[in-house]
Amino acid sequence: MGSAVKSAFLKWVLRRLAIEYSFAIVELEVMPDHVHLFIEAPARYSPAKLMNAIKSITAREMFMRFPELREKLWAGELWADGYYVGTVGDAVTTEAVRRYIRNQKNELHELDDSHGPSEE
């Protein structure tokens, strides 16, 4: 199964979790080796509790849908132990974070193109 199918499924799972946990996905981009997820969440969830739920449920769902992933991944784990959580406010605006996430795929393609033609 292609990476576009896996990416679409992961986005679907995240959107379903947003409904279940009452958070809003402001911006979402799935990269080849990581995910940018910008959300607005209710105060009743600590960032750690929310990230634990997101990572554990998405991993379970991805492994059920794509069992071959477990064999391809380091130690059979979908997510690394860490994550980054930040907030928006005076210094960093919502629009700046949205723009950053939206531009990630463009920057990846520019890097790929800068290496010239690949040898096959």
Protein backbone atom coordinates (compact mmCIF):
# COMPACT_ATOMS: atom_id res chain seq x y z
CA MET A 1 0.00 0.00 0.00
CA GLY A 2 1.31 3.42 -0.93
CA SER A 3 2.29 6.21 1.40
CA ALA A 4 -0.58 8.39 0.11
CA VAL A 5 -3.08 5.78 1.30
CA LYS A 6 -1.39 5.55 4.71
CA SER A 7 -1.25 9.32 5.00
CA ALA A 8 -4.95 9.66 4.14
CA PHE A 9 -5.86 6.97 6.67
CA LEU A 10 -3.79 8.63 9.40
CA LYS A 11 -5.49 11.96 8.70
CA TRP A 12 -8.88 10.25 8.91
CA VAL A 13 -7.99 8.69 12.28
CA LEU A 14 -6.79 12.06 13.61
CA ARG A 15 -10.00 13.77 12.48
CA ARG A 16 -12.05 11.07 14.18
CA LEU A 17 -10.04 11.57 17.39
CA ALA A 18 -10.64 15.31 17.17
CA ILE A 19 -14.38 14.66 17.31
CA GLU A 20 -14.08 12.07 20.08
CA TYR A 21 -11.81 14.23 22.28
CA SER A 22 -13.41 17.58 21.38
CA PHE A 23 -10.34 19.23 19.94
CA ALA A 24 -10.09 21.18 16.68
CA ILE A 25 -7.45 20.46 14.06
CA VAL A 26 -6.26 23.88 12.94
CA GLU A 27 -3.60 22.52 10.59
CA LEU A 28 -2.33 19.03 9.75
CA GLU A 29 0.47 17.81 7.52
CA VAL A 30 1.78 14.25 7.31
CA MET A 31 5.43 14.13 6.28
CA PRO A 32 7.42 11.01 5.34
CA ASP A 33 8.91 10.67 8.83
CA HIS A 34 6.83 12.89 11.12
CA VAL A 35 3.51 14.71 11.53
CA HIS A 36 2.75 18.39 12.11
CA LEU A 37 -0.46 18.73 14.09
CA PHE A 38 -1.69 22.13 15.23
CA ILE A 39 -4.76 21.82 17.44
CA GLU A 40 -7.00 23.79 19.76
CA ALA A 41 -7.86 21.61 22.75
CA PRO A 42 -10.07 22.04 25.80
CA ALA A 43 -8.24 22.85 29.04
CA ARG A 44 -9.47 19.62 30.63
CA TYR A 45 -6.78 17.74 28.68
CA SER A 46 -3.16 18.27 29.55
CA PRO A 47 -0.84 18.29 26.53
CA ALA A 48 0.77 15.06 27.79
CA LYS A 49 -2.58 13.27 28.18
CA LEU A 50 -3.75 14.39 24.75
CA MET A 51 -0.50 13.40 23.02
CA ASN A 52 -0.54 10.02 24.75
CA ALA A 53 -4.07 9.38 23.47
CA ILE A 54 -3.28 10.60 19.97
CA LYS A 55 -0.08 8.57 19.65
CA SER A 56 -1.42 5.35 21.18
CA ILE A 57 -4.70 5.31 19.27
CA THR A 58 -3.19 6.28 15.90
CA ALA A 59 -0.48 3.62 16.31
CA ARG A 60 -3.05 0.93 17.13
CA GLU A 61 -5.27 1.94 14.20
CA MET A 62 -2.36 2.15 11.73
CA PHE A 63 -1.00 -1.27 12.75
CA MET A 64 -4.45 -2.85 12.46
CA ARG A 65 -4.98 -1.37 8.98
CA PHE A 66 -1.37 -1.81 7.76
CA PRO A 67 0.18 -4.76 9.66
CA GLU A 68 3.31 -4.64 7.48
CA LEU A 69 4.23 -1.32 9.12
CA ARG A 70 5.30 -3.05 12.33
CA GLU A 71 7.97 -5.01 10.46
CA LYS A 72 9.31 -1.94 8.62
CA LEU A 73 9.61 0.36 11.63
CA TRP A 74 12.45 0.56 14.12
CA ALA A 75 11.54 -1.62 17.11
CA GLY A 76 8.02 -1.97 15.68
CA GLU A 77 6.91 1.40 17.06
CA LEU A 78 5.09 4.00 15.00
CA TRP A 79 5.97 7.02 17.15
CA ALA A 80 9.14 8.12 18.90
CA ASP A 81 8.88 8.61 22.65
CA GLY A 82 9.09 12.41 22.46
CA TYR A 83 7.01 15.18 20.96
CA TYR A 84 6.99 18.95 20.83
CA VAL A 85 4.17 21.01 22.30
CA GLY A 86 4.10 24.77 21.94
CA THR A 87 1.56 27.52 22.40
CA VAL A 88 0.63 30.52 20.30
CA GLY A 89 0.48 34.00 21.67
CA ASP A 90 2.20 37.35 21.28
CA ALA A 91 5.54 36.11 19.88
CA VAL A 92 4.17 33.29 17.72
CA THR A 93 0.84 33.81 16.00
CA THR A 94 -1.65 31.22 14.85
CA GLU A 95 -1.13 32.32 11.25
CA ALA A 96 2.66 31.90 11.54
CA VAL A 97 2.25 28.32 12.75
CA ARG A 98 -0.31 27.54 10.03
CA ARG A 99 1.97 28.96 7.35
CA TYR A 100 4.93 26.95 8.66
CA ILE A 101 2.98 23.68 8.58
CA ARG A 102 1.51 24.35 5.13
CA ASN A 103 4.96 25.04 3.68
CA GLN A 104 6.60 21.85 4.96
CA LYS A 105 5.71 19.72 1.93
CA ASN A 106 6.84 22.47 -0.46
CA GLU A 107 10.20 22.70 1.30
CA LEU A 108 10.58 18.91 1.17
CA HIS A 109 9.93 18.90 -2.58
CA GLU A 110 12.41 21.74 -3.09
CA LEU A 111 15.07 19.76 -1.22
CA ASP A 112 14.33 16.67 -3.33
CA ASP A 113 14.57 18.70 -6.56
CA SER A 114 17.87 20.33 -5.52
CA HIS A 115 19.67 16.99 -5.52
CA GLY A 116 19.33 16.68 -9.30
CA PRO A 117 18.21 13.61 -11.18
CA SER A 118 18.51 10.32 -9.34
CA GLU A 119 20.55 7.46 -10.69
CA GLU A 120 18.50 4.39 -11.42
